[in-house]
Amino acid sequence: MEEAVSLSTLKVLVEKKIKKKTLIKVIWNEEEKITLLITPNIKINSFIYDQKEGYLFYDLEGKVIDRDIPCVLPESVMAEGKVLLNSKLQINHQPITNEDKIFLINEENNF
C-alpha cells in the first residue's frame, strides 16, 4: 500500500513552505470534489477543470482567481481521508521532494 498522511500533517508542511497560515476548503462540482489548502484571504466559490489550463477557480462574482492556490488535492490523491504521497502531489506547483516526504512521515508519527 502506498504511504499516506493526514490532511493536518500536509497542512503543516504547506504552511512551512509558504510561510503563511492556511485553511482547508473542500469544494465540489458536478464532476468531482477537491480539497484546497488556501490562504485565508482567497475566496473561492467554484471551479472547473480545463484540459489546457488545469483547474480554474472563480470567486463569488464569477471572476477567475488569478492568484496561486498553495495546494490542490483532487480525489485521485486522497484515500480513506488521507493524502497519498505520490508524484501528483504538489505544493505551489512544485512536486513534493523526498525531503518533504520524510518530513511528512516524521510529522505524522509525532501526531
PDB file of N, CA and C in Angstrom:
ATOM      1  N   MET A   1       0.831  -1.188   0.000  1.00  0.00           N
ATOM      2  CA  MET A   1       0.000   0.000   0.000  1.00  0.00           C
ATOM      3  C   MET A   1       0.875   1.250   0.000  1.00  0.00           C
ATOM      4  N   GLU A   2       0.408   2.248  -0.672  1.00  0.00           N
ATOM      5  CA  GLU A   2       1.151   3.499  -0.785  1.00  0.00           C
ATOM      6  C   GLU A   2       1.111   4.266   0.538  1.00  0.00           C
ATOM      7  N   GLU A   3       2.198   4.989   0.822  1.00  0.00           N
ATOM      8  CA  GLU A   3       2.244   5.783   2.054  1.00  0.00           C
ATOM      9  C   GLU A   3       1.250   6.926   1.967  1.00  0.00           C
ATOM     10  N   ALA A   4       0.646   7.241   3.120  1.00  0.00           N
ATOM     11  CA  ALA A   4      -0.333   8.317   3.186  1.00  0.00           C
ATOM     12  C   ALA A   4      -0.191   9.043   4.515  1.00  0.00           C
ATOM     13  N   VAL A   5      -0.553  10.325   4.507  1.00  0.00           N
ATOM     14  CA  VAL A   5      -0.508  11.141   5.722  1.00  0.00           C
ATOM     15  C   VAL A   5      -1.837  11.870   5.872  1.00  0.00           C
ATOM     16  N   SER A   6      -2.098  12.338   7.066  1.00  0.00           N
ATOM     17  CA  SER A   6      -3.337  13.075   7.313  1.00  0.00           C
ATOM     18  C   SER A   6      -3.279  14.448   6.655  1.00  0.00           C
ATOM     19  N   LEU A   7      -4.441  15.006   6.453  1.00  0.00           N
ATOM     20  CA  LEU A   7      -4.549  16.341   5.860  1.00  0.00           C
ATOM     21  C   LEU A   7      -3.921  17.388   6.770  1.00  0.00           C
ATOM     22  N   SER A   8      -4.056  17.221   8.074  1.00  0.00           N
ATOM     23  CA  SER A   8      -3.467  18.192   9.010  1.00  0.00           C
ATOM     24  C   SER A   8      -1.938  18.157   8.954  1.00  0.00           C
ATOM     25  N   THR A   9      -1.363  16.988   8.716  1.00  0.00           N
ATOM     26  CA  THR A   9       0.089  16.887   8.579  1.00  0.00           C
ATOM     27  C   THR A   9       0.558  17.600   7.311  1.00  0.00           C
ATOM     28  N   LEU A  10      -0.160  17.420   6.216  1.00  0.00           N
ATOM     29  CA  LEU A  10       0.181  18.113   4.977  1.00  0.00           C
ATOM     30  C   LEU A  10       0.039  19.622   5.156  1.00  0.00           C
ATOM     31  N   LYS A  11      -0.966  20.050   5.902  1.00  0.00           N
ATOM     32  CA  LYS A  11      -1.176  21.475   6.167  1.00  0.00           C
ATOM     33  C   LYS A  11       0.040  22.077   6.864  1.00  0.00           C
ATOM     34  N   VAL A  12       0.640  21.338   7.789  1.00  0.00           N
ATOM     35  CA  VAL A  12       1.851  21.811   8.477  1.00  0.00           C
ATOM     36  C   VAL A  12       2.969  22.057   7.468  1.00  0.00           C
ATOM     37  N   LEU A  13       3.169  21.130   6.538  1.00  0.00           N
ATOM     38  CA  LEU A  13       4.217  21.282   5.523  1.00  0.00           C
ATOM     39  C   LEU A  13       3.925  22.469   4.602  1.00  0.00           C
ATOM     40  N   VAL A  14       2.684  22.614   4.166  1.00  0.00           N
ATOM     41  CA  VAL A  14       2.328  23.732   3.274  1.00  0.00           C
ATOM     42  C   VAL A  14       2.593  25.062   3.972  1.00  0.00           C
ATOM     43  N   GLU A  15       2.182  25.177   5.228  1.00  0.00           N
ATOM     44  CA  GLU A  15       2.415  26.417   5.976  1.00  0.00           C
ATOM     45  C   GLU A  15       3.899  26.695   6.137  1.00  0.00           C
ATOM     46  N   LYS A  16       4.670  25.644   6.345  1.00  0.00           N
ATOM     47  CA  LYS A  16       6.130  25.804   6.475  1.00  0.00           C
ATOM     48  C   LYS A  16       6.738  26.304   5.160  1.00  0.00           C
ATOM     49  N   LYS A  17       6.273  25.758   4.035  1.00  0.00           N
ATOM     50  CA  LYS A  17       6.845  26.114   2.743  1.00  0.00           C
ATOM     51  C   LYS A  17       6.421  27.513   2.267  1.00  0.00           C
ATOM     52  N   ILE A  18       5.164  27.900   2.503  1.00  0.00           N
ATOM     53  CA  ILE A  18       4.717  29.207   2.013  1.00  0.00           C
ATOM     54  C   ILE A  18       4.826  30.300   3.078  1.00  0.00           C
ATOM     55  N   LYS A  19       5.146  29.897   4.295  1.00  0.00           N
ATOM     56  CA  LYS A  19       5.330  30.838   5.410  1.00  0.00           C
ATOM     57  C   LYS A  19       4.087  31.675   5.677  1.00  0.00           C
ATOM     58  N   LYS A  20       2.908  31.048   5.543  1.00  0.00           N
ATOM     59  CA  LYS A  20       1.619  31.677   5.827  1.00  0.00           C
ATOM     60  C   LYS A  20       0.684  30.626   6.398  1.00  0.00           C
ATOM     61  N   LYS A  21      -0.295  31.092   7.158  1.00  0.00           N
ATOM     62  CA  LYS A  21      -1.339  30.199   7.647  1.00  0.00           C
ATOM     63  C   LYS A  21      -2.216  29.776   6.476  1.00  0.00           C
ATOM     64  N   THR A  22      -2.776  28.580   6.561  1.00  0.00           N
ATOM     65  CA  THR A  22      -3.656  28.101   5.503  1.00  0.00           C
ATOM     66  C   THR A  22      -4.962  27.580   6.095  1.00  0.00           C
ATOM     67  N   LEU A  23      -5.958  27.547   5.248  1.00  0.00           N
ATOM     68  CA  LEU A  23      -7.254  26.974   5.574  1.00  0.00           C
ATOM     69  C   LEU A  23      -7.476  25.768   4.681  1.00  0.00           C
ATOM     70  N   ILE A  24      -8.239  24.810   5.184  1.00  0.00           N
ATOM     71  CA  ILE A  24      -8.620  23.656   4.381  1.00  0.00           C
ATOM     72  C   ILE A  24     -10.040  23.905   3.889  1.00  0.00           C
ATOM     73  N   LYS A  25     -10.234  23.817   2.581  1.00  0.00           N
ATOM     74  CA  LYS A  25     -11.561  24.031   1.992  1.00  0.00           C
ATOM     75  C   LYS A  25     -11.863  22.878   1.051  1.00  0.00           C
ATOM     76  N   VAL A  26     -13.015  22.269   1.239  1.00  0.00           N
ATOM     77  CA  VAL A  26     -13.470  21.216   0.343  1.00  0.00           C
ATOM     78  C   VAL A  26     -14.538  21.828  -0.552  1.00  0.00           C
ATOM     79  N   ILE A  27     -14.393  21.626  -1.849  1.00  0.00           N
ATOM     80  CA  ILE A  27     -15.312  22.209  -2.820  1.00  0.00           C
ATOM     81  C   ILE A  27     -15.582  21.168  -3.900  1.00  0.00           C
ATOM     82  N   TRP A  28     -16.799  21.162  -4.448  1.00  0.00           N
ATOM     83  CA  TRP A  28     -17.122  20.186  -5.462  1.00  0.00           C
ATOM     84  C   TRP A  28     -18.026  20.795  -6.518  1.00  0.00           C
ATOM     85  N   ASN A  29     -18.030  20.139  -7.671  1.00  0.00           N
ATOM     86  CA  ASN A  29     -18.953  20.498  -8.747  1.00  0.00           C
ATOM     87  C   ASN A  29     -19.613  19.205  -9.220  1.00  0.00           C
ATOM     88  N   GLU A  30     -20.239  19.221 -10.382  1.00  0.00           N
ATOM     89  CA  GLU A  30     -20.955  18.039 -10.871  1.00  0.00           C
ATOM     90  C   GLU A  30     -20.028  16.859 -11.151  1.00  0.00           C
ATOM     91  N   GLU A  31     -18.758  17.134 -11.398  1.00  0.00           N
ATOM     92  CA  GLU A  31     -17.849  16.094 -11.827  1.00  0.00           C
ATOM     93  C   GLU A  31     -16.918  15.559 -10.748  1.00  0.00           C
ATOM     94  N   GLU A  32     -16.475  16.411  -9.830  1.00  0.00           N
ATOM     95  CA  GLU A  32     -15.519  15.945  -8.825  1.00  0.00           C
ATOM     96  C   GLU A  32     -15.510  16.821  -7.583  1.00  0.00           C
ATOM     97  N   LYS A  33     -14.860  16.280  -6.568  1.00  0.00           N
ATOM     98  CA  LYS A  33     -14.673  17.002  -5.311  1.00  0.00           C
ATOM     99  C   LYS A  33     -13.171  17.184  -5.118  1.00  0.00           C
ATOM    100  N   ILE A  34     -12.756  18.395  -4.737  1.00  0.00           N
ATOM    101  CA  ILE A  34     -11.343  18.635  -4.471  1.00  0.00           C
ATOM    102  C   ILE A  34     -11.189  19.291  -3.100  1.00  0.00           C
ATOM    103  N   THR A  35     -10.016  19.106  -2.532  1.00  0.00           N
ATOM    104  CA  THR A  35      -9.665  19.726  -1.266  1.00  0.00           C
ATOM    105  C   THR A  35      -8.574  20.735  -1.549  1.00  0.00           C
ATOM    106  N   LEU A  36      -8.722  21.942  -1.006  1.00  0.00           N
ATOM    107  CA  LEU A  36      -7.766  23.018  -1.236  1.00  0.00           C
ATOM    108  C   LEU A  36      -7.132  23.433   0.076  1.00  0.00           C
ATOM    109  N   LEU A  37      -5.868  23.753   0.039  1.00  0.00           N
ATOM    110  CA  LEU A  37      -5.210  24.436   1.145  1.00  0.00           C
ATOM    111  C   LEU A  37      -4.936  25.837   0.630  1.00  0.00           C
ATOM    112  N   ILE A  38      -5.650  26.812   1.197  1.00  0.00           N
ATOM    113  CA  ILE A  38      -5.602  28.187   0.704  1.00  0.00           C
ATOM    114  C   ILE A  38      -5.276  29.144   1.837  1.00  0.00           C
ATOM    115  N   THR A  39      -4.794  30.324   1.479  1.00  0.00           N
ATOM    116  CA  THR A  39      -4.589  31.367   2.482  1.00  0.00           C
ATOM    117  C   THR A  39      -5.957  31.974   2.804  1.00  0.00           C
ATOM    118  N   PRO A  40      -6.130  32.511   4.013  1.00  0.00           N
ATOM    119  CA  PRO A  40      -7.452  32.993   4.434  1.00  0.00           C
ATOM    120  C   PRO A  40      -8.073  34.081   3.562  1.00  0.00           C
ATOM    121  N   ASN A  41      -7.286  34.844   2.840  1.00  0.00           N
ATOM    122  CA  ASN A  41      -7.842  35.945   2.059  1.00  0.00           C
ATOM    123  C   ASN A  41      -8.286  35.538   0.655  1.00  0.00           C
ATOM    124  N   ILE A  42      -8.202  34.280   0.296  1.00  0.00           N
ATOM    125  CA  ILE A  42      -8.669  33.811  -1.011  1.00  0.00           C
ATOM    126  C   ILE A  42     -10.101  33.301  -0.842  1.00  0.00           C
ATOM    127  N   LYS A  43     -11.017  33.867  -1.590  1.00  0.00           N
ATOM    128  CA  LYS A  43     -12.425  33.471  -1.531  1.00  0.00           C
ATOM    129  C   LYS A  43     -12.782  32.732  -2.810  1.00  0.00           C
ATOM    130  N   ILE A  44     -12.963  31.422  -2.700  1.00  0.00           N
ATOM    131  CA  ILE A  44     -13.273  30.594  -3.862  1.00  0.00           C
ATOM    132  C   ILE A  44     -14.718  30.130  -3.753  1.00  0.00           C
ATOM    133  N   ASN A  45     -15.456  30.284  -4.857  1.00  0.00           N
ATOM    134  CA  ASN A  45     -16.851  29.878  -4.883  1.00  0.00           C
ATOM    135  C   ASN A  45     -17.060  28.627  -5.738  1.00  0.00           C
ATOM    136  N   SER A  46     -16.307  28.499  -6.833  1.00  0.00           N
ATOM    137  CA  SER A  46     -16.499  27.362  -7.730  1.00  0.00           C
ATOM    138  C   SER A  46     -15.220  27.111  -8.524  1.00  0.00           C
ATOM    139  N   PHE A  47     -15.235  26.004  -9.256  1.00  0.00           N
ATOM    140  CA  PHE A  47     -14.073  25.662 -10.085  1.00  0.00           C
ATOM    141  C   PHE A  47     -14.527  24.823 -11.261  1.00  0.00           C
ATOM    142  N   ILE A  48     -13.683  24.779 -12.271  1.00  0.00           N
ATOM    143  CA  ILE A  48     -13.840  23.853 -13.389  1.00  0.00           C
ATOM    144  C   ILE A  48     -12.456  23.297 -13.705  1.00  0.00           C
ATOM    145  N   TYR A  49     -12.427  22.170 -14.389  1.00  0.00           N
ATOM    146  CA  TYR A  49     -11.157  21.624 -14.852  1.00  0.00           C
ATOM    147  C   TYR A  49     -11.115  21.767 -16.358  1.00  0.00           C
ATOM    148  N   ASP A  50     -10.123  22.496 -16.845  1.00  0.00           N
ATOM    149  CA  ASP A  50      -9.923  22.714 -18.267  1.00  0.00           C
ATOM    150  C   ASP A  50      -8.749  21.861 -18.727  1.00  0.00           C
ATOM    151  N   GLN A  51      -8.891  21.168 -19.843  1.00  0.00           N
ATOM    152  CA  GLN A  51      -7.834  20.287 -20.341  1.00  0.00           C
ATOM    153  C   GLN A  51      -6.521  21.035 -20.590  1.00  0.00           C
ATOM    154  N   LYS A  52      -6.596  22.271 -21.061  1.00  0.00           N
ATOM    155  CA  LYS A  52      -5.389  23.043 -21.365  1.00  0.00           C
ATOM    156  C   LYS A  52      -4.857  23.791 -20.152  1.00  0.00           C
ATOM    157  N   GLU A  53      -5.750  24.419 -19.395  1.00  0.00           N
ATOM    158  CA  GLU A  53      -5.348  25.299 -18.296  1.00  0.00           C
ATOM    159  C   GLU A  53      -5.227  24.588 -16.944  1.00  0.00           C
ATOM    160  N   GLY A  54      -5.849  23.446 -16.798  1.00  0.00           N
ATOM    161  CA  GLY A  54      -5.903  22.790 -15.491  1.00  0.00           C
ATOM    162  C   GLY A  54      -7.100  23.324 -14.715  1.00  0.00           C
ATOM    163  N   TYR A  55      -6.979  23.388 -13.398  1.00  0.00           N
ATOM    164  CA  TYR A  55      -8.082  23.880 -12.576  1.00  0.00           C
ATOM    165  C   TYR A  55      -8.180  25.398 -12.668  1.00  0.00           C
ATOM    166  N   LEU A  56      -9.389  25.882 -12.883  1.00  0.00           N
ATOM    167  CA  LEU A  56      -9.676  27.313 -12.881  1.00  0.00           C
ATOM    168  C   LEU A  56     -10.650  27.567 -11.735  1.00  0.00           C
ATOM    169  N   PHE A  57     -10.320  28.524 -10.876  1.00  0.00           N
ATOM    170  CA  PHE A  57     -11.133  28.829  -9.710  1.00  0.00           C
ATOM    171  C   PHE A  57     -11.793  30.184  -9.888  1.00  0.00           C
ATOM    172  N   TYR A  58     -13.029  30.289  -9.366  1.00  0.00           N
ATOM    173  CA  TYR A  58     -13.817  31.503  -9.524  1.00  0.00           C
ATOM    174  C   TYR A  58     -14.255  32.027  -8.163  1.00  0.00           C
ATOM    175  N   ASP A  59     -14.333  33.372  -8.050  1.00  0.00           N
ATOM    176  CA  ASP A  59     -14.799  33.991  -6.812  1.00  0.00           C
ATOM    177  C   ASP A  59     -16.324  34.112  -6.834  1.00  0.00           C
ATOM    178  N   LEU A  60     -16.891  34.787  -5.836  1.00  0.00           N
ATOM    179  CA  LEU A  60     -18.341  34.928  -5.725  1.00  0.00           C
ATOM    180  C   LEU A  60     -18.960  35.700  -6.883  1.00  0.00           C
ATOM    181  N   GLU A  61     -18.178  36.583  -7.496  1.00  0.00           N
ATOM    182  CA  GLU A  61     -18.670  37.381  -8.619  1.00  0.00           C
ATOM    183  C   GLU A  61     -18.511  36.675  -9.960  1.00  0.00           C
ATOM    184  N   GLY A  62     -17.928  35.494  -9.968  1.00  0.00           N
ATOM    185  CA  GLY A  62     -17.733  34.749 -11.207  1.00  0.00           C
ATOM    186  C   GLY A  62     -16.454  35.090 -11.939  1.00  0.00           C
ATOM    187  N   LYS A  63     -15.562  35.844 -11.299  1.00  0.00           N
ATOM    188  CA  LYS A  63     -14.285  36.204 -11.916  1.00  0.00           C
ATOM    189  C   LYS A  63     -13.246  35.129 -11.611  1.00  0.00           C
ATOM    190  N   VAL A  64     -12.375  34.875 -12.591  1.00  0.00           N
ATOM    191  CA  VAL A  64     -11.307  33.893 -12.405  1.00  0.00           C
ATOM    192  C   VAL A  64     -10.326  34.408 -11.356  1.00  0.00           C
ATOM    193  N   ILE A  65      -9.962  33.548 -10.438  1.00  0.00           N
ATOM    194  CA  ILE A  65      -8.972  33.889  -9.428  1.00  0.00           C
ATOM    195  C   ILE A  65      -7.604  33.652 -10.041  1.00  0.00           C
ATOM    196  N   ASP A  66      -6.811  34.721 -10.144  1.00  0.00           N
ATOM    197  CA  ASP A  66      -5.506  34.602 -10.792  1.00  0.00           C
ATOM    198  C   ASP A  66      -4.376  34.366  -9.801  1.00  0.00           C
ATOM    199  N   ARG A  67      -4.676  34.363  -8.513  1.00  0.00           N
ATOM    200  CA  ARG A  67      -3.643  34.098  -7.505  1.00  0.00           C
ATOM    201  C   ARG A  67      -3.411  32.597  -7.396  1.00  0.00           C
ATOM    202  N   ASP A  68      -2.196  32.234  -7.048  1.00  0.00           N
ATOM    203  CA  ASP A  68      -1.868  30.824  -6.912  1.00  0.00           C
ATOM    204  C   ASP A  68      -2.524  30.209  -5.690  1.00  0.00           C
ATOM    205  N   ILE A  69      -3.010  29.000  -5.851  1.00  0.00           N
ATOM    206  CA  ILE A  69      -3.559  28.207  -4.761  1.00  0.00           C
ATOM    207  C   ILE A  69      -2.403  27.338  -4.262  1.00  0.00           C
ATOM    208  N   PRO A  70      -2.035  27.433  -2.968  1.00  0.00           N
ATOM    209  CA  PRO A  70      -0.869  26.693  -2.481  1.00  0.00           C
ATOM    210  C   PRO A  70      -0.913  25.176  -2.712  1.00  0.00           C
ATOM    211  N   CYS A  71      -2.087  24.560  -2.511  1.00  0.00           N
ATOM    212  CA  CYS A  71      -2.150  23.111  -2.678  1.00  0.00           C
ATOM    213  C   CYS A  71      -3.562  22.695  -3.102  1.00  0.00           C
ATOM    214  N   VAL A  72      -3.638  21.984  -4.226  1.00  0.00           N
ATOM    215  CA  VAL A  72      -4.894  21.471  -4.756  1.00  0.00           C
ATOM    216  C   VAL A  72      -4.830  19.954  -4.682  1.00  0.00           C
ATOM    217  N   LEU A  73      -5.813  19.365  -4.000  1.00  0.00           N
ATOM    218  CA  LEU A  73      -5.825  17.917  -3.818  1.00  0.00           C
ATOM    219  C   LEU A  73      -7.061  17.317  -4.481  1.00  0.00           C
ATOM    220  N   PRO A  74      -6.916  16.825  -5.719  1.00  0.00           N
ATOM    221  CA  PRO A  74      -8.047  16.153  -6.353  1.00  0.00           C
ATOM    222  C   PRO A  74      -8.309  14.807  -5.666  1.00  0.00           C
ATOM    223  N   GLU A  75      -9.440  14.217  -5.965  1.00  0.00           N
ATOM    224  CA  GLU A  75      -9.804  12.940  -5.354  1.00  0.00           C
ATOM    225  C   GLU A  75      -8.762  11.854  -5.618  1.00  0.00           C
ATOM    226  N   SER A  76      -8.039  11.961  -6.717  1.00  0.00           N
ATOM    227  CA  SER A  76      -7.058  10.929  -7.076  1.00  0.00           C
ATOM    228  C   SER A  76      -5.879  10.849  -6.115  1.00  0.00           C
ATOM    229  N   VAL A  77      -5.625  11.894  -5.326  1.00  0.00           N
ATOM    230  CA  VAL A  77      -4.511  11.852  -4.365  1.00  0.00           C
ATOM    231  C   VAL A  77      -4.994  11.618  -2.935  1.00  0.00           C
ATOM    232  N   MET A  78      -6.297  11.321  -2.794  1.00  0.00           N
ATOM    233  CA  MET A  78      -6.871  11.072  -1.473  1.00  0.00           C
ATOM    234  C   MET A  78      -7.355   9.620  -1.405  1.00  0.00           C
ATOM    235  N   ALA A  79      -7.209   9.018  -0.230  1.00  0.00           N
ATOM    236  CA  ALA A  79      -7.729   7.673   0.007  1.00  0.00           C
ATOM    237  C   ALA A  79      -8.048   7.523   1.483  1.00  0.00           C
ATOM    238  N   GLU A  80      -9.272   7.175   1.770  1.00  0.00           N
ATOM    239  CA  GLU A  80      -9.715   6.952   3.142  1.00  0.00           C
ATOM    240  C   GLU A  80      -9.414   8.136   4.058  1.00  0.00           C
ATOM    241  N   GLY A  81      -9.599   9.348   3.539  1.00  0.00           N
ATOM    242  CA  GLY A  81      -9.384  10.549   4.332  1.00  0.00           C
ATOM    243  C   GLY A  81      -7.936  10.953   4.520  1.00  0.00           C
ATOM    244  N   LYS A  82      -7.030  10.273   3.850  1.00  0.00           N
ATOM    245  CA  LYS A  82      -5.609  10.604   3.945  1.00  0.00           C
ATOM    246  C   LYS A  82      -5.094  11.019   2.575  1.00  0.00           C
ATOM    247  N   VAL A  83      -3.944  11.698   2.584  1.00  0.00           N
ATOM    248  CA  VAL A  83      -3.313  12.179   1.352  1.00  0.00           C
ATOM    249  C   VAL A  83      -2.219  11.197   0.957  1.00  0.00           C
ATOM    250  N   LEU A  84      -2.308  10.677  -0.257  1.00  0.00           N
ATOM    251  CA  LEU A  84      -1.298   9.742  -0.752  1.00  0.00           C
ATOM    252  C   LEU A  84      -0.039  10.502  -1.144  1.00  0.00           C
ATOM    253  N   LEU A  85       1.105   9.969  -0.755  1.00  0.00           N
ATOM    254  CA  LEU A  85       2.383  10.617  -1.080  1.00  0.00           C
ATOM    255  C   LEU A  85       2.870  10.113  -2.428  1.00  0.00           C
ATOM    256  N   ASN A  86       2.241  10.592  -3.486  1.00  0.00           N
ATOM    257  CA  ASN A  86       2.637  10.169  -4.826  1.00  0.00           C
ATOM    258  C   ASN A  86       3.166  11.352  -5.622  1.00  0.00           C
ATOM    259  N   SER A  87       3.542  11.095  -6.841  1.00  0.00           N
ATOM    260  CA  SER A  87       4.164  12.148  -7.652  1.00  0.00           C
ATOM    261  C   SER A  87       3.187  13.242  -8.073  1.00  0.00           C
ATOM    262  N   LYS A  88       1.882  13.009  -7.987  1.00  0.00           N
ATOM    263  CA  LYS A  88       0.907  14.024  -8.381  1.00  0.00           C
ATOM    264  C   LYS A  88       0.756  15.109  -7.320  1.00  0.00           C
ATOM    265  N   LEU A  89       1.199  14.858  -6.120  1.00  0.00           N
ATOM    266  CA  LEU A  89       1.058  15.812  -5.031  1.00  0.00           C
ATOM    267  C   LEU A  89       2.017  16.981  -5.237  1.00  0.00           C
ATOM    268  N   GLN A  90       1.461  18.219  -5.240  1.00  0.00           N
ATOM    269  CA  GLN A  90       2.263  19.412  -5.472  1.00  0.00           C
ATOM    270  C   GLN A  90       1.946  20.485  -4.443  1.00  0.00           C
ATOM    271  N   ILE A  91       2.967  21.286  -4.126  1.00  0.00           N
ATOM    272  CA  ILE A  91       2.802  22.465  -3.289  1.00  0.00           C
ATOM    273  C   ILE A  91       3.366  23.634  -4.083  1.00  0.00           C
ATOM    274  N   ASN A  92       2.570  24.645  -4.292  1.00  0.00           N
ATOM    275  CA  ASN A  92       2.955  25.800  -5.129  1.00  0.00           C
ATOM    276  C   ASN A  92       3.443  25.370  -6.509  1.00  0.00           C
ATOM    277  N   HIS A  93       2.727  24.455  -7.117  1.00  0.00           N
ATOM    278  CA  HIS A  93       3.004  23.963  -8.471  1.00  0.00           C
ATOM    279  C   HIS A  93       4.321  23.195  -8.583  1.00  0.00           C
ATOM    280  N   GLN A  94       4.899  22.798  -7.459  1.00  0.00           N
ATOM    281  CA  GLN A  94       6.140  22.015  -7.465  1.00  0.00           C
ATOM    282  C   GLN A  94       5.866  20.659  -6.822  1.00  0.00           C
ATOM    283  N   PRO A  95       6.322  19.572  -7.448  1.00  0.00           N
ATOM    284  CA  PRO A  95       6.133  18.257  -6.829  1.00  0.00           C
ATOM    285  C   PRO A  95       6.847  18.200  -5.473  1.00  0.00           C
ATOM    286  N   ILE A  96       6.291  17.431  -4.545  1.00  0.00           N
ATOM    287  CA  ILE A  96       6.960  17.322  -3.252  1.00  0.00           C
ATOM    288  C   ILE A  96       8.257  16.532  -3.420  1.00  0.00           C
ATOM    289  N   THR A  97       9.237  16.896  -2.631  1.00  0.00           N
ATOM    290  CA  THR A  97      10.556  16.275  -2.716  1.00  0.00           C
ATOM    291  C   THR A  97      10.641  15.106  -1.742  1.00  0.00           C
ATOM    292  N   ASN A  98      11.734  14.360  -1.833  1.00  0.00           N
ATOM    293  CA  ASN A  98      11.965  13.275  -0.875  1.00  0.00           C
ATOM    294  C   ASN A  98      12.101  13.831   0.541  1.00  0.00           C
ATOM    295  N   GLU A  99      12.714  15.008   0.675  1.00  0.00           N
ATOM    296  CA  GLU A  99      12.829  15.648   1.993  1.00  0.00           C
ATOM    297  C   GLU A  99      11.450  15.987   2.544  1.00  0.00           C
ATOM    298  N   ASP A 100      10.553  16.445   1.657  1.00  0.00           N
ATOM    299  CA  ASP A 100       9.180  16.731   2.076  1.00  0.00           C
ATOM    300  C   ASP A 100       8.481  15.466   2.562  1.00  0.00           C
ATOM    301  N   LYS A 101       8.675  14.373   1.833  1.00  0.00           N
ATOM    302  CA  LYS A 101       8.065  13.102   2.231  1.00  0.00           C
ATOM    303  C   LYS A 101       8.583  12.645   3.591  1.00  0.00           C
ATOM    304  N   ILE A 102       9.882  12.779   3.811  1.00  0.00           N
ATOM    305  CA  ILE A 102      10.467  12.402   5.104  1.00  0.00           C
ATOM    306  C   ILE A 102       9.891  13.269   6.211  1.00  0.00           C
ATOM    307  N   PHE A 103       9.781  14.582   5.955  1.00  0.00           N
ATOM    308  CA  PHE A 103       9.197  15.496   6.936  1.00  0.00           C
ATOM    309  C   PHE A 103       7.766  15.076   7.262  1.00  0.00           C
ATOM    310  N   LEU A 104       6.983  14.778   6.231  1.00  0.00           N
ATOM    311  CA  LEU A 104       5.587  14.392   6.436  1.00  0.00           C
ATOM    312  C   LEU A 104       5.463  13.109   7.241  1.00  0.00           C
ATOM    313  N   ILE A 105       6.277  12.128   6.925  1.00  0.00           N
ATOM    314  CA  ILE A 105       6.219  10.853   7.651  1.00  0.00           C
ATOM    315  C   ILE A 105       6.625  11.050   9.110  1.00  0.00           C
ATOM    316  N   ASN A 106       7.685  11.823   9.338  1.00  0.00           N
ATOM    317  CA  ASN A 106       8.103  12.107  10.735  1.00  0.00           C
ATOM    318  C   ASN A 106       7.036  12.879  11.483  1.00  0.00           C
ATOM    319  N   GLU A 107       6.436  13.864  10.821  1.00  0.00           N
ATOM    320  CA  GLU A 107       5.377  14.668  11.443  1.00  0.00           C
ATOM    321  C   GLU A 107       4.158  13.798  11.748  1.00  0.00           C
ATOM    322  N   GLU A 108       3.832  12.898  10.837  1.00  0.00           N
ATOM    323  CA  GLU A 108       2.691  12.001  11.035  1.00  0.00           C
ATOM    324  C   GLU A 108       2.917  11.109  12.258  1.00  0.00           C
ATOM    325  N   ASN A 109       4.149  10.656  12.436  1.00  0.00           N
ATOM    326  CA  ASN A 109       4.462   9.793  13.567  1.00  0.00           C
ATOM    327  C   ASN A 109       4.412  10.559  14.897  1.00  0.00           C
ATOM    328  N   ASN A 110       4.596  11.894  14.856  1.00  0.00           N
ATOM    329  CA  ASN A 110       4.546  12.705  16.063  1.00  0.00           C
ATOM    330  C   ASN A 110       3.121  13.017  16.508  1.00  0.00           C
ATOM    331  N   PHE A 111       2.142  12.883  15.579  1.00  0.00           N
ATOM    332  CA  PHE A 111       0.748  13.185  15.941  1.00  0.00           C
ATOM    333  C   PHE A 111       0.156  12.094  16.777  1.00  0.00           C
TER     334      PHE A 111
END
